[in-house]
C-alpha cells in the first residue's frame, strides 16, 4: 500500500480520481487528440467488460463517450509485454459492449484507445505513436473501421512539438506543472491527499484488495497441501504395486479409489512391457 502523501497523478487510484472530473477528462481528450467534444458522458472508472462467463474480461481505467465516439484512457506505469495484443483485445471488448445484439455494424462508434505511458513502449524515441488500420499495397485506401490507438511516451516530452501535449507529458514524467491545465490537475492531486473522504476510500480499497489477495493466497496454500497429499498417496500406491500388493489392499491403505489404483496398475504394466521390449 503506497502512502497517501506519496501518491501522484500516475498512480491508478489517483488517476481515476482526477479523471472523474468531467471537465478535466474532456480537456485532456481535446488536447491529446486535437478534436472538439461537445458533450462528454460522465467518466466510468474501472469499467469491467466480460460479455461471456467463459471469456477473459477487461477492466478499463477510464471509459467515456460523446455522441459518436468512445474513449478508453489507460495509465501505464510498468513495462508489460504484448501492449499491441492488449489494445487489440480491449478494442474487441469495447466493440462488443458498444454494439447491442442484433444491431447493424454501422452503429459502432469511432473508438480511441489511449495509453499514457511513463516509458517508451517501442523504444523509438517518439513522444506519440498513432496506429490505424492501413492498406499495405496502397496507403490511400482507407478501410474506415473507426478504430484508433494512441500511445503517448512521457519520457520524450521534450521532442513533442505541440506545446499542450508536451506540457502534459512533462507533468507525467517529472510531476512538474508548467501550464494552467497541469496546474489544475496538480491542485486536484494535492487537495485529494488532505481530503478525509479520499483517504477513507483509498484505505478501504487497499484493505479490500489485501483481503482478496490473502484469501487467494490461503486458497492456494490449501490447494497446494491437498495436491501434495494426493501425490503422496499416488507415490505410495506405486511403491506397493512394485512389491506386488493386491489392488484392494493398496486402495484401503492409501485411501485412493479403486479406479485410480487400477489406472496406476495399468500404467505401471505398460511401462514394464516397454522396458522388456526395449
Protein backbone atom coordinates (compact mmCIF):
# COMPACT_ATOMS: atom_id res chain seq x y z
CA UNK A 1 0.00 0.00 0.00
CA UNK A 2 1.56 3.28 -1.14
CA UNK A 3 1.29 6.06 1.47
CA UNK A 4 -1.29 8.69 0.54
CA UNK A 5 1.25 11.51 0.69
CA UNK A 6 3.34 9.76 -1.97
CA UNK A 7 0.50 9.32 -4.46
CA UNK A 8 0.90 11.07 -7.82
CA UNK A 9 -1.31 11.55 -10.86
CA UNK A 10 0.16 8.42 -12.48
CA UNK A 11 -0.92 6.10 -9.65
CA UNK A 12 -4.01 4.14 -10.70
CA UNK A 13 -6.22 5.26 -7.83
CA UNK A 14 -5.25 8.93 -8.11
CA UNK A 15 -5.52 8.85 -11.90
CA UNK A 16 -9.06 7.54 -11.65
CA UNK A 17 -9.94 10.14 -9.00
CA UNK A 18 -8.71 13.05 -11.13
CA UNK A 19 -10.31 11.74 -14.31
CA UNK A 20 -13.63 11.51 -12.50
CA UNK A 21 -13.80 15.25 -13.11
CA UNK A 22 -15.59 15.52 -16.48
CA UNK A 23 -14.06 18.92 -17.29
CA UNK A 24 -10.53 17.60 -16.79
CA UNK A 25 -11.32 14.45 -18.75
CA UNK A 26 -12.86 16.44 -21.62
CA UNK A 27 -10.00 18.93 -21.80
CA UNK A 28 -7.41 16.15 -21.72
CA UNK A 29 -9.03 14.35 -24.65
CA UNK A 30 -9.30 17.57 -26.64
CA UNK A 31 -5.64 18.38 -26.01
CA UNK A 32 -4.31 14.94 -26.84
CA UNK A 33 -6.49 14.20 -29.87
CA UNK A 34 -6.99 17.73 -31.20
CA UNK A 35 -10.72 17.23 -31.56
CA UNK A 36 -13.70 19.15 -30.22
CA UNK A 37 -16.02 17.33 -27.83
CA UNK A 38 -19.41 18.96 -27.42
CA UNK A 39 -20.63 16.84 -24.53
CA UNK A 40 -18.93 14.06 -22.62
CA UNK A 41 -20.81 11.42 -20.67
CA UNK A 42 -19.61 11.24 -17.09
CA UNK A 43 -16.46 9.12 -16.90
CA UNK A 44 -16.92 5.48 -15.93
CA UNK A 45 -13.94 4.34 -13.90
CA UNK A 46 -12.52 0.82 -13.76
CA UNK A 47 -15.24 -0.36 -16.14
CA UNK A 48 -15.36 -4.14 -16.38
CA UNK A 49 -16.40 -5.80 -19.63
CA UNK A 50 -16.93 -9.56 -19.74
CA UNK A 51 -19.57 -10.44 -22.33
CA UNK A 52 -19.50 -14.17 -21.65
CA UNK A 53 -18.89 -16.14 -18.47
CA UNK A 54 -16.08 -18.09 -20.12
CA UNK A 55 -14.46 -15.05 -21.77
CA UNK A 56 -11.49 -13.19 -20.35
CA UNK A 57 -12.85 -9.84 -19.23
CA UNK A 58 -11.10 -6.48 -19.15
CA UNK A 59 -11.08 -3.68 -16.61
CA UNK A 60 -10.64 -0.28 -18.25
CA UNK A 61 -9.17 2.64 -16.30
CA UNK A 62 -11.40 5.39 -17.72
CA UNK A 63 -14.19 4.68 -20.21
CA UNK A 64 -16.06 7.69 -21.60
CA UNK A 65 -18.28 8.58 -24.56
CA UNK A 66 -19.52 11.54 -26.50
CA UNK A 67 -22.30 11.48 -29.11
CA UNK A 68 -20.38 9.44 -31.69
CA UNK A 69 -17.06 8.42 -30.14
CA UNK A 70 -15.81 6.14 -27.37
CA UNK A 71 -12.61 6.73 -25.42
CA UNK A 72 -10.66 4.33 -23.21
CA UNK A 73 -7.84 6.08 -21.32
CA UNK A 74 -5.22 3.90 -19.63
CA UNK A 75 -2.30 4.95 -17.43
CA UNK A 76 0.68 2.62 -17.90
CA UNK A 77 3.49 2.74 -15.33
CA UNK A 78 5.26 -0.59 -15.70
CA UNK A 79 6.54 -2.27 -18.82
CA UNK A 80 4.11 -5.01 -19.77
CA UNK A 81 4.56 -7.34 -22.69
CA UNK A 82 2.16 -7.58 -25.62
CA UNK A 83 0.93 -3.99 -25.45
CA UNK A 84 -0.31 -4.37 -29.01
CA UNK A 85 -2.28 -7.53 -28.22
CA UNK A 86 -3.79 -5.79 -25.19
CA UNK A 87 -5.03 -2.88 -27.31
CA UNK A 88 -6.49 -5.39 -29.77
CA UNK A 89 -8.39 -7.24 -27.03
CA UNK A 90 -9.56 -4.01 -25.39
CA UNK A 91 -10.86 -2.90 -28.78
CA UNK A 92 -12.82 -6.12 -29.29
CA UNK A 93 -14.37 -5.92 -25.81
CA UNK A 94 -15.34 -2.27 -26.31
CA UNK A 95 -16.99 -3.12 -29.65
CA UNK A 96 -18.99 -5.95 -28.08
CA UNK A 97 -20.06 -3.70 -25.23
CA UNK A 98 -20.97 -0.90 -27.64
CA UNK A 99 -22.96 -2.95 -30.16
CA UNK A 100 -26.35 -4.15 -28.99
CA UNK A 101 -27.37 -7.65 -30.01
CA UNK A 102 -28.89 -7.58 -33.47
CA UNK A 103 -27.73 -4.02 -34.23
CA UNK A 104 -26.04 -3.14 -37.51
CA UNK A 105 -22.25 -2.89 -37.61
CA UNK A 106 -22.74 0.69 -38.82
CA UNK A 107 -23.88 1.50 -35.27
CA UNK A 108 -20.32 1.02 -33.99
CA UNK A 109 -18.94 4.34 -32.79
CA UNK A 110 -15.46 5.59 -33.63
CA UNK A 111 -13.21 4.46 -30.81
CA UNK A 112 -9.93 5.65 -29.33
CA UNK A 113 -7.76 3.51 -27.07
CA UNK A 114 -5.29 5.83 -25.37
CA UNK A 115 -2.28 4.64 -23.37
CA UNK A 116 -0.37 7.21 -21.30
CA UNK A 117 3.00 5.55 -20.70
CA UNK A 118 5.72 6.61 -18.27
CA UNK A 119 8.24 4.84 -20.55
CA UNK A 120 8.85 4.38 -24.28
CA UNK A 121 6.97 1.18 -25.17
CA UNK A 122 8.56 0.89 -28.62
CA UNK A 123 11.99 2.42 -27.86
CA UNK A 124 11.93 4.65 -30.93
CA UNK A 125 12.19 7.94 -29.07
CA UNK A 126 8.82 9.26 -30.24
CA UNK A 127 6.53 11.11 -27.89
CA UNK A 128 3.41 9.90 -29.65
CA UNK A 129 2.54 6.77 -31.61
CA UNK A 130 -0.72 6.60 -33.59
CA UNK A 131 -1.98 3.33 -35.04
CA UNK A 132 -4.73 2.90 -37.62
CA UNK A 133 -5.61 0.01 -39.92
CA UNK A 134 -3.94 0.66 -43.28
CA UNK A 135 -3.59 -0.98 -46.69
CA UNK A 136 -0.04 -2.16 -47.32
CA UNK A 137 -0.49 -2.08 -51.08
CA UNK A 138 -1.97 1.43 -51.24
CA UNK A 139 -1.82 3.76 -48.24
CA UNK A 140 -4.52 5.88 -49.85
CA UNK A 141 -7.11 3.15 -49.32
CA UNK A 142 -8.96 3.66 -46.04
CA UNK A 143 -10.86 0.70 -44.59
CA UNK A 144 -12.73 3.14 -42.30
CA UNK A 145 -13.09 0.80 -39.35
CA UNK A 146 -13.04 3.76 -36.93
CA UNK A 147 -10.54 2.10 -34.58
CA UNK A 148 -7.63 4.28 -33.46
CA UNK A 149 -4.88 3.56 -30.94
CA UNK A 150 -2.96 6.48 -29.45
CA UNK A 151 0.07 5.69 -27.31
CA UNK A 152 1.98 8.51 -25.60
CA UNK A 153 5.54 8.29 -24.26
CA UNK A 154 6.00 10.79 -21.42
CA UNK A 155 9.79 10.42 -21.36
CA UNK A 156 10.03 12.11 -24.78
CA UNK A 157 8.04 15.21 -23.82
CA UNK A 158 10.91 17.49 -24.91
CA UNK A 159 10.62 16.28 -28.52
CA UNK A 160 6.86 16.88 -28.72
CA UNK A 161 6.17 19.94 -30.89
CA UNK A 162 2.65 20.55 -29.61
CA UNK A 163 3.13 22.70 -26.50
CA UNK A 164 -0.05 21.49 -24.78
CA UNK A 165 0.78 17.81 -25.22
CA UNK A 166 4.40 18.45 -24.26
CA UNK A 167 3.38 20.15 -21.00
CA UNK A 168 1.06 17.30 -20.09
CA UNK A 169 3.66 14.61 -20.86
CA UNK A 170 6.23 16.57 -18.87
CA UNK A 171 3.86 16.58 -15.89
CA UNK A 172 3.52 12.80 -16.13
CA UNK A 173 7.28 12.35 -16.39
CA UNK A 174 8.51 14.88 -13.82
CA UNK A 175 5.36 15.76 -11.80
CA UNK A 176 6.14 19.41 -12.66
CA UNK A 177 3.12 21.54 -13.62
CA UNK A 178 4.07 24.09 -16.27
CA UNK A 179 0.73 25.38 -17.65
CA UNK A 180 -2.81 26.10 -16.50
CA UNK A 181 -4.10 22.62 -17.30
CA UNK A 182 -1.39 20.70 -15.42
CA UNK A 183 -1.76 23.22 -12.57
CA UNK A 184 -5.43 22.25 -12.32
CA UNK A 185 -4.55 18.55 -12.29
CA UNK A 186 -1.83 19.06 -9.69
CA UNK A 187 -4.21 21.07 -7.48
CA UNK A 188 -6.75 18.23 -7.53
CA UNK A 189 -3.99 15.74 -6.67
CA UNK A 190 -2.72 17.77 -3.70
CA UNK A 191 -6.22 18.51 -2.39
CA UNK A 192 -7.11 14.82 -2.59
CA UNK A 193 -4.24 13.93 -0.26
CA UNK A 194 -5.76 16.02 2.54
CA UNK A 195 -9.37 15.08 1.80
CA UNK A 196 -10.72 12.80 4.54
CA UNK A 197 -13.19 11.03 2.26
CA UNK A 198 -10.45 10.33 -0.29
CA UNK A 199 -8.23 8.96 2.48
CA UNK A 200 -11.02 6.72 3.76
CA UNK A 201 -11.90 5.42 0.31
CA UNK A 202 -8.24 4.77 -0.53
CA UNK A 203 -7.69 2.91 2.72
CA UNK A 204 -10.86 0.85 2.26
CA UNK A 205 -9.84 -0.04 -1.30
CA UNK A 206 -6.44 -1.25 -0.17
CA UNK A 207 -7.92 -3.26 2.72
CA UNK A 208 -10.35 -4.90 0.29
CA UNK A 209 -7.58 -5.75 -2.19
CA UNK A 210 -5.39 -7.06 0.63
CA UNK A 211 -8.25 -9.28 1.83
CA UNK A 212 -8.74 -10.60 -1.71
CA UNK A 213 -5.01 -11.28 -2.01
CA UNK A 214 -4.86 -13.07 1.34
CA UNK A 215 -7.96 -15.12 0.51
CA UNK A 216 -6.42 -16.17 -2.78
CA UNK A 217 -3.10 -16.91 -1.09
CA UNK A 218 -4.74 -19.05 1.57
CA UNK A 219 -6.81 -20.89 -1.04
CA UNK A 220 -3.60 -21.53 -2.98
CA UNK A 221 -1.84 -22.91 0.10
CA UNK A 222 -4.81 -25.15 0.90
CA UNK A 223 -4.93 -26.39 -2.67
CA UNK A 224 -1.18 -27.00 -2.66
CA UNK A 225 -1.39 -29.03 0.53
CA UNK A 226 -4.27 -31.09 -0.87
CA UNK A 227 -2.40 -31.69 -4.12
CA UNK A 228 0.73 -32.68 -2.20
CA UNK A 229 -1.22 -35.15 -0.07
CA UNK A 230 -2.82 -36.67 -3.16
CA UNK A 231 0.56 -37.01 -4.84
CA UNK A 232 1.96 -38.73 -1.73
CA UNK A 233 -0.90 -41.29 -1.89
CA UNK A 234 -0.14 -41.97 -5.56
CA UNK A 235 3.57 -42.48 -4.87
CA UNK A 236 2.73 -44.90 -2.02
CA UNK A 237 0.41 -46.82 -4.33
CA UNK A 238 3.13 -47.10 -6.97
CA UNK A 239 5.59 -48.43 -4.41
CA UNK A 240 3.08 -51.01 -3.22
CA UNK A 241 2.46 -52.05 -6.84
CA UNK A 242 6.20 -52.62 -7.21
CA UNK A 243 6.01 -55.06 -4.28
CA UNK A 244 3.04 -56.84 -5.84
CA UNK A 245 0.49 -55.91 -3.20
CA UNK A 246 -3.19 -56.61 -4.10
CA UNK A 247 -5.13 -53.68 -5.54
CA UNK A 248 -7.81 -53.75 -2.84
CA UNK A 249 -5.14 -53.56 -0.15
CA UNK A 250 -3.49 -50.60 -1.89
CA UNK A 251 -6.84 -48.78 -2.12
CA UNK A 252 -7.57 -49.40 1.57
CA UNK A 253 -4.17 -48.23 2.83
CA UNK A 254 -3.76 -45.18 0.59
CA UNK A 255 -7.38 -44.06 0.59
CA UNK A 256 -7.39 -43.89 -3.21
CA UNK A 257 -10.49 -45.07 -5.05
CA UNK A 258 -10.25 -48.42 -6.85
CA UNK A 259 -10.49 -46.78 -10.27
CA UNK A 260 -7.37 -44.70 -9.61
CA UNK A 261 -5.44 -47.72 -8.31
CA UNK A 262 -6.45 -49.76 -11.37
CA UNK A 263 -5.31 -46.94 -13.65
CA UNK A 264 -1.93 -46.76 -11.85
CA UNK A 265 -1.56 -50.52 -12.18
CA UNK A 266 -2.32 -50.32 -15.91
CA UNK A 267 0.24 -47.53 -16.41
CA UNK A 268 2.87 -49.48 -14.48
CA UNK A 269 2.18 -52.63 -16.51
CA UNK A 270 2.57 -50.70 -19.76
CA UNK A 271 5.85 -49.23 -18.56
CA UNK A 272 7.18 -52.67 -17.64
CA UNK A 273 6.23 -54.06 -21.05
CA UNK A 274 8.04 -51.21 -22.80
CA UNK A 275 11.14 -51.92 -20.73
CA UNK A 276 11.04 -55.61 -21.70
CA UNK A 277 10.64 -54.75 -25.41
CA UNK A 278 13.39 -52.16 -25.16
